[in-house]
């Protein structure tokens, strides 16, 4: 494994406020504790090694997935720190990241630090962490689903031939061409289908966040109507656990790592490991 570690020095700004509603920090006992811990006498003070993974726009989803899997299987890694700055993207791809983060969070402590924004799908996967921290002016939320159906008007061929393009599409399956830009305008049945599809994604989105954050899905209109929130409002709504910086994130990770590895003594410092995985 080709990896290097260093302490993150680039911080945005520091603010320390009381923590808000509690997220799910109940980690299952780690029956496959790091080899480093098994080989270390229990009276010896050791540093916690943390896989630090960036989820920054534009997100390389494939690399992030490889990094998360590697961190979950790396016996020298005791926890995971996610550095998040994302305005979202495709619901299907970001749900993959959400599900994988949620799975890793049952194996090792995962703390998320929003270093910019976590909106829409970006907040979806951020909510899957065991503990979520945001900087003072971070923007997050923007929970909702959007689908755009585009149609070309009078497409033309340009170049040696300059003419309008007449296209005829043959299809099998009534709704197959909904998102084809050359297709005819949507029928009423197609519009209904798109709206139903959006609402299903929306309900799934709301259910996942409510479960992850321990908040009421019945009150979704307060936090899932498409608005984004600054950190203080997000804290009040229970969308984050704390307003802080990488220092607070490290402290929380140490707390969870100690809880997950009873009998071992950890120093007050964290060793960051950045994977150099070519996806």
Protein backbone atom coordinates (compact mmCIF):
# COMPACT_ATOMS: atom_id res chain seq x y z
CA UNK A 1 0.00 0.00 0.00
CA UNK A 2 1.45 3.33 -1.06
CA UNK A 3 0.40 5.91 1.50
CA UNK A 4 1.73 8.91 3.31
CA UNK A 5 0.58 10.74 6.37
CA UNK A 6 0.78 14.24 7.64
CA UNK A 7 -1.08 16.53 10.01
CA UNK A 8 -3.60 18.79 8.24
CA UNK A 9 -2.45 22.38 8.68
CA UNK A 10 -4.78 24.21 6.31
CA UNK A 11 -7.75 25.32 8.41
CA UNK A 12 -10.54 27.62 7.41
CA UNK A 13 -11.49 29.37 10.65
CA UNK A 14 -12.06 28.37 14.24
CA UNK A 15 -15.32 28.55 16.10
CA UNK A 16 -16.36 26.56 19.13
CA UNK A 17 -20.04 26.38 20.00
CA UNK A 18 -22.00 23.87 22.08
CA UNK A 19 -22.85 20.66 20.31
CA UNK A 20 -26.37 20.11 19.05
CA UNK A 21 -28.52 17.03 18.65
CA UNK A 22 -26.70 13.76 18.92
CA UNK A 23 -26.14 11.67 15.83
CA UNK A 24 -25.61 7.92 15.86
CA UNK A 25 -22.26 7.41 17.56
CA UNK A 26 -22.94 3.84 18.63
CA UNK A 27 -20.17 1.88 16.90
CA UNK A 28 -20.36 -1.87 16.86
CA UNK A 29 -17.46 -3.53 18.74
CA UNK A 30 -14.50 -3.95 16.45
CA UNK A 31 -13.63 -7.63 16.54
CA UNK A 32 -10.86 -7.10 14.03
CA UNK A 33 -8.92 -4.39 15.83
CA UNK A 34 -5.83 -2.95 14.16
CA UNK A 35 -2.78 -5.19 14.15
CA UNK A 36 -0.94 -2.20 15.52
CA UNK A 37 -3.12 -2.36 18.66
CA UNK A 38 -2.92 -6.12 19.05
CA UNK A 39 0.87 -5.99 18.91
CA UNK A 40 1.14 -3.02 21.26
CA UNK A 41 1.36 -3.50 25.04
CA UNK A 42 -1.72 -2.02 26.66
CA UNK A 43 0.35 0.24 28.89
CA UNK A 44 2.08 1.83 25.88
CA UNK A 45 0.73 5.15 24.58
CA UNK A 46 0.06 5.05 20.83
CA UNK A 47 -1.09 7.51 18.17
CA UNK A 48 -4.42 6.96 16.44
CA UNK A 49 -4.00 6.49 12.69
CA UNK A 50 -6.92 8.04 10.78
CA UNK A 51 -7.70 7.67 7.08
CA UNK A 52 -8.45 11.21 5.85
CA UNK A 53 -10.55 11.17 2.68
CA UNK A 54 -11.59 14.19 0.63
CA UNK A 55 -15.05 14.45 -0.89
CA UNK A 56 -14.61 17.73 -2.75
CA UNK A 57 -16.32 18.87 -5.94
CA UNK A 58 -15.82 17.52 -8.50
CA UNK A 59 -15.90 14.24 -6.58
CA UNK A 60 -14.02 11.29 -8.02
CA UNK A 61 -16.60 8.77 -6.81
CA UNK A 62 -14.60 5.75 -7.90
CA UNK A 63 -11.51 6.83 -5.96
CA UNK A 64 -13.56 7.72 -2.89
CA UNK A 65 -15.14 4.26 -2.95
CA UNK A 66 -11.72 2.59 -3.21
CA UNK A 67 -10.42 4.75 -0.34
CA UNK A 68 -13.36 3.91 1.90
CA UNK A 69 -13.05 0.19 1.23
CA UNK A 70 -9.30 0.31 1.82
CA UNK A 71 -9.76 2.21 5.09
CA UNK A 72 -12.32 -0.32 6.30
CA UNK A 73 -9.92 -3.21 5.61
CA UNK A 74 -6.71 -1.54 6.76
CA UNK A 75 -5.89 -2.98 10.19
CA UNK A 76 -3.60 -0.05 10.93
CA UNK A 77 -6.47 2.44 10.58
CA UNK A 78 -8.59 3.13 13.66
CA UNK A 79 -10.99 5.73 12.24
CA UNK A 80 -11.96 7.79 9.20
CA UNK A 81 -12.16 11.56 8.73
CA UNK A 82 -14.14 12.86 5.74
CA UNK A 83 -13.39 16.38 4.49
CA UNK A 84 -16.55 17.45 2.68
CA UNK A 85 -17.27 20.21 0.19
CA UNK A 86 -19.98 19.16 -2.24
CA UNK A 87 -23.07 20.70 -3.82
CA UNK A 88 -24.44 17.30 -4.80
CA UNK A 89 -24.98 15.51 -8.06
CA UNK A 90 -26.80 12.46 -9.40
CA UNK A 91 -29.02 10.80 -6.82
CA UNK A 92 -28.00 7.29 -7.85
CA UNK A 93 -24.25 7.90 -7.59
CA UNK A 94 -24.43 9.84 -4.36
CA UNK A 95 -26.64 7.17 -2.79
CA UNK A 96 -23.80 4.71 -3.43
CA UNK A 97 -21.44 6.95 -1.45
CA UNK A 98 -24.04 7.33 1.30
CA UNK A 99 -24.56 3.58 1.64
CA UNK A 100 -20.83 2.85 1.65
CA UNK A 101 -20.06 5.52 4.27
CA UNK A 102 -22.90 4.20 6.43
CA UNK A 103 -21.48 0.67 6.17
CA UNK A 104 -17.93 1.76 7.06
CA UNK A 105 -19.35 3.73 10.01
CA UNK A 106 -20.52 0.45 11.58
CA UNK A 107 -16.95 -0.91 11.37
CA UNK A 108 -14.85 2.09 12.39
CA UNK A 109 -15.64 5.59 13.65
CA UNK A 110 -16.37 8.01 10.79
CA UNK A 111 -16.43 11.76 11.46
CA UNK A 112 -17.42 14.27 8.77
CA UNK A 113 -16.04 17.80 8.63
CA UNK A 114 -17.81 20.19 6.25
CA UNK A 115 -15.07 22.52 5.06
CA UNK A 116 -17.26 24.36 2.56
CA UNK A 117 -20.74 23.17 1.66
CA UNK A 118 -22.72 19.96 1.94
CA UNK A 119 -25.82 20.44 -0.16
CA UNK A 120 -28.34 18.07 -1.71
CA UNK A 121 -26.54 14.78 -2.43
CA UNK A 122 -23.48 16.16 -0.65
CA UNK A 123 -25.48 16.40 2.55
CA UNK A 124 -27.04 12.99 1.88
CA UNK A 125 -23.71 11.18 2.20
CA UNK A 126 -22.46 13.55 4.93
CA UNK A 127 -25.42 12.55 7.12
CA UNK A 128 -24.24 8.92 7.05
CA UNK A 129 -21.24 9.69 9.29
CA UNK A 130 -21.22 8.91 13.02
CA UNK A 131 -20.66 12.58 13.84
CA UNK A 132 -20.90 15.68 11.66
CA UNK A 133 -19.14 19.02 12.17
CA UNK A 134 -19.40 22.20 10.10
CA UNK A 135 -17.50 25.47 10.00
CA UNK A 136 -19.27 28.65 11.06
CA UNK A 137 -20.30 29.83 7.58
CA UNK A 138 -20.75 26.40 5.99
CA UNK A 139 -23.85 25.97 3.85
CA UNK A 140 -25.70 22.69 4.03
CA UNK A 141 -29.05 21.10 3.39
CA UNK A 142 -30.71 22.01 0.07
CA UNK A 143 -32.54 18.70 0.45
CA UNK A 144 -34.74 17.88 -2.51
CA UNK A 145 -34.83 16.27 -5.94
CA UNK A 146 -34.82 17.87 -9.36
CA UNK A 147 -35.22 16.32 -12.80
CA UNK A 148 -34.67 18.28 -16.00
CA UNK A 149 -36.18 17.20 -19.30
CA UNK A 150 -34.64 18.97 -22.29
CA UNK A 151 -35.77 19.10 -25.89
CA UNK A 152 -34.03 20.53 -28.94
CA UNK A 153 -36.05 22.98 -31.00
CA UNK A 154 -35.51 22.70 -34.73
CA UNK A 155 -32.08 20.99 -34.57
CA UNK A 156 -29.82 21.80 -37.50
CA UNK A 157 -26.90 20.24 -39.31
CA UNK A 158 -24.06 22.74 -39.83
CA UNK A 159 -20.82 22.61 -41.74
CA UNK A 160 -20.79 21.72 -45.39
CA UNK A 161 -24.53 21.13 -45.10
CA UNK A 162 -26.64 23.81 -43.42
CA UNK A 163 -30.14 22.44 -43.00
CA UNK A 164 -32.79 21.66 -40.43
CA UNK A 165 -32.64 18.10 -39.09
CA UNK A 166 -35.74 15.94 -39.24
CA UNK A 167 -35.55 13.03 -36.78
CA UNK A 168 -37.85 10.06 -36.39
CA UNK A 169 -37.42 7.86 -33.30
CA UNK A 170 -38.60 4.25 -33.07
CA UNK A 171 -39.10 3.00 -29.54
CA UNK A 172 -40.29 -0.01 -27.58
CA UNK A 173 -41.49 0.97 -24.16
CA UNK A 174 -43.85 3.88 -23.61
CA UNK A 175 -41.50 5.90 -21.38
CA UNK A 176 -38.19 5.01 -23.03
CA UNK A 177 -37.57 8.43 -24.65
CA UNK A 178 -38.51 10.72 -21.76
CA UNK A 179 -34.95 12.04 -21.44
CA UNK A 180 -34.06 11.87 -25.14
CA UNK A 181 -33.47 15.43 -26.34
CA UNK A 182 -34.65 14.60 -29.87
CA UNK A 183 -37.95 13.06 -28.75
CA UNK A 184 -41.36 14.69 -29.00
CA UNK A 185 -42.70 16.83 -26.18
CA UNK A 186 -43.71 14.97 -23.03
CA UNK A 187 -47.18 13.48 -22.83
CA UNK A 188 -49.28 13.88 -19.69
CA UNK A 189 -48.56 10.27 -18.75
CA UNK A 190 -44.84 10.88 -19.10
CA UNK A 191 -45.04 13.99 -16.91
CA UNK A 192 -46.91 12.04 -14.24
CA UNK A 193 -44.26 9.31 -14.39
CA UNK A 194 -41.42 11.81 -13.93
CA UNK A 195 -43.17 13.42 -10.97
CA UNK A 196 -43.81 10.04 -9.35
CA UNK A 197 -40.17 9.11 -9.82
CA UNK A 198 -39.00 12.38 -8.24
CA UNK A 199 -41.33 11.93 -5.27
CA UNK A 200 -40.05 8.39 -4.65
CA UNK A 201 -36.46 9.64 -4.59
CA UNK A 202 -37.53 12.52 -2.33
CA UNK A 203 -39.22 10.20 0.18
CA UNK A 204 -36.16 7.94 0.23
CA UNK A 205 -33.92 10.98 0.76
CA UNK A 206 -36.02 12.23 3.69
CA UNK A 207 -36.24 8.80 5.31
CA UNK A 208 -32.46 8.27 5.14
CA UNK A 209 -31.59 11.66 6.63
CA UNK A 210 -34.20 11.40 9.38
CA UNK A 211 -32.83 7.99 10.37
CA UNK A 212 -29.19 9.06 10.15
CA UNK A 213 -29.70 12.22 12.18
CA UNK A 214 -32.33 10.98 14.63
CA UNK A 215 -34.86 13.64 13.66
CA UNK A 216 -38.55 13.34 12.92
CA UNK A 217 -39.46 12.60 9.30
CA UNK A 218 -42.89 14.11 9.98
CA UNK A 219 -41.22 17.50 10.41
CA UNK A 220 -39.40 17.27 7.07
CA UNK A 221 -40.84 20.56 5.81
CA UNK A 222 -38.65 22.34 8.35
CA UNK A 223 -35.40 20.93 6.94
CA UNK A 224 -36.13 19.28 3.58
CA UNK A 225 -37.95 21.87 1.47
CA UNK A 226 -34.94 22.67 -0.71
CA UNK A 227 -33.53 25.46 1.48
CA UNK A 228 -29.89 25.53 2.49
CA UNK A 229 -28.88 26.53 6.00
CA UNK A 230 -25.85 28.13 7.60
CA UNK A 231 -24.21 26.11 10.35
CA UNK A 232 -26.02 27.72 13.29
CA UNK A 233 -29.44 27.00 11.79
CA UNK A 234 -28.36 23.49 10.81
CA UNK A 235 -27.25 22.88 14.40
CA UNK A 236 -30.63 24.01 15.73
CA UNK A 237 -32.43 21.69 13.29
CA UNK A 238 -30.24 18.72 14.18
CA UNK A 239 -28.58 18.46 10.75
CA UNK A 240 -25.10 18.67 12.33
CA UNK A 241 -23.69 17.85 15.78
CA UNK A 242 -21.24 20.67 16.29
CA UNK A 243 -19.75 23.84 14.84
CA UNK A 244 -15.98 23.61 14.81
CA UNK A 245 -12.80 22.83 12.92
CA UNK A 246 -10.43 19.99 12.30
CA UNK A 247 -9.38 20.19 15.96
CA UNK A 248 -12.90 19.33 17.13
CA UNK A 249 -13.08 16.61 14.47
CA UNK A 250 -9.84 15.05 15.71
CA UNK A 251 -11.02 15.20 19.33
CA UNK A 252 -14.28 13.47 18.47
CA UNK A 253 -12.49 10.80 16.48
CA UNK A 254 -10.17 10.13 19.41
CA UNK A 255 -13.17 9.83 21.71
CA UNK A 256 -14.86 7.30 19.42
CA UNK A 257 -11.63 5.38 18.76
CA UNK A 258 -10.98 5.02 22.49
CA UNK A 259 -14.53 3.79 22.95
CA UNK A 260 -14.06 1.29 20.13
CA UNK A 261 -10.71 0.03 21.45
CA UNK A 262 -11.05 -0.37 25.23
CA UNK A 263 -7.91 -1.23 27.17
CA UNK A 264 -5.54 0.69 24.89
CA UNK A 265 -4.08 4.09 25.67
CA UNK A 266 -4.07 6.67 22.88
CA UNK A 267 -2.15 9.92 22.81
CA UNK A 268 -3.96 13.18 22.24
CA UNK A 269 -2.68 13.47 18.67
CA UNK A 270 -3.97 11.97 15.43
CA UNK A 271 -1.83 10.68 12.57
CA UNK A 272 -3.55 11.42 9.25
CA UNK A 273 -3.18 8.90 6.42
CA UNK A 274 -4.00 9.92 2.86
CA UNK A 275 -4.38 7.04 0.41
CA UNK A 276 -2.82 7.43 -3.02
CA UNK A 277 -5.14 5.04 -4.79
CA UNK A 278 -5.43 5.19 -8.57
CA UNK A 279 -9.01 4.17 -9.28
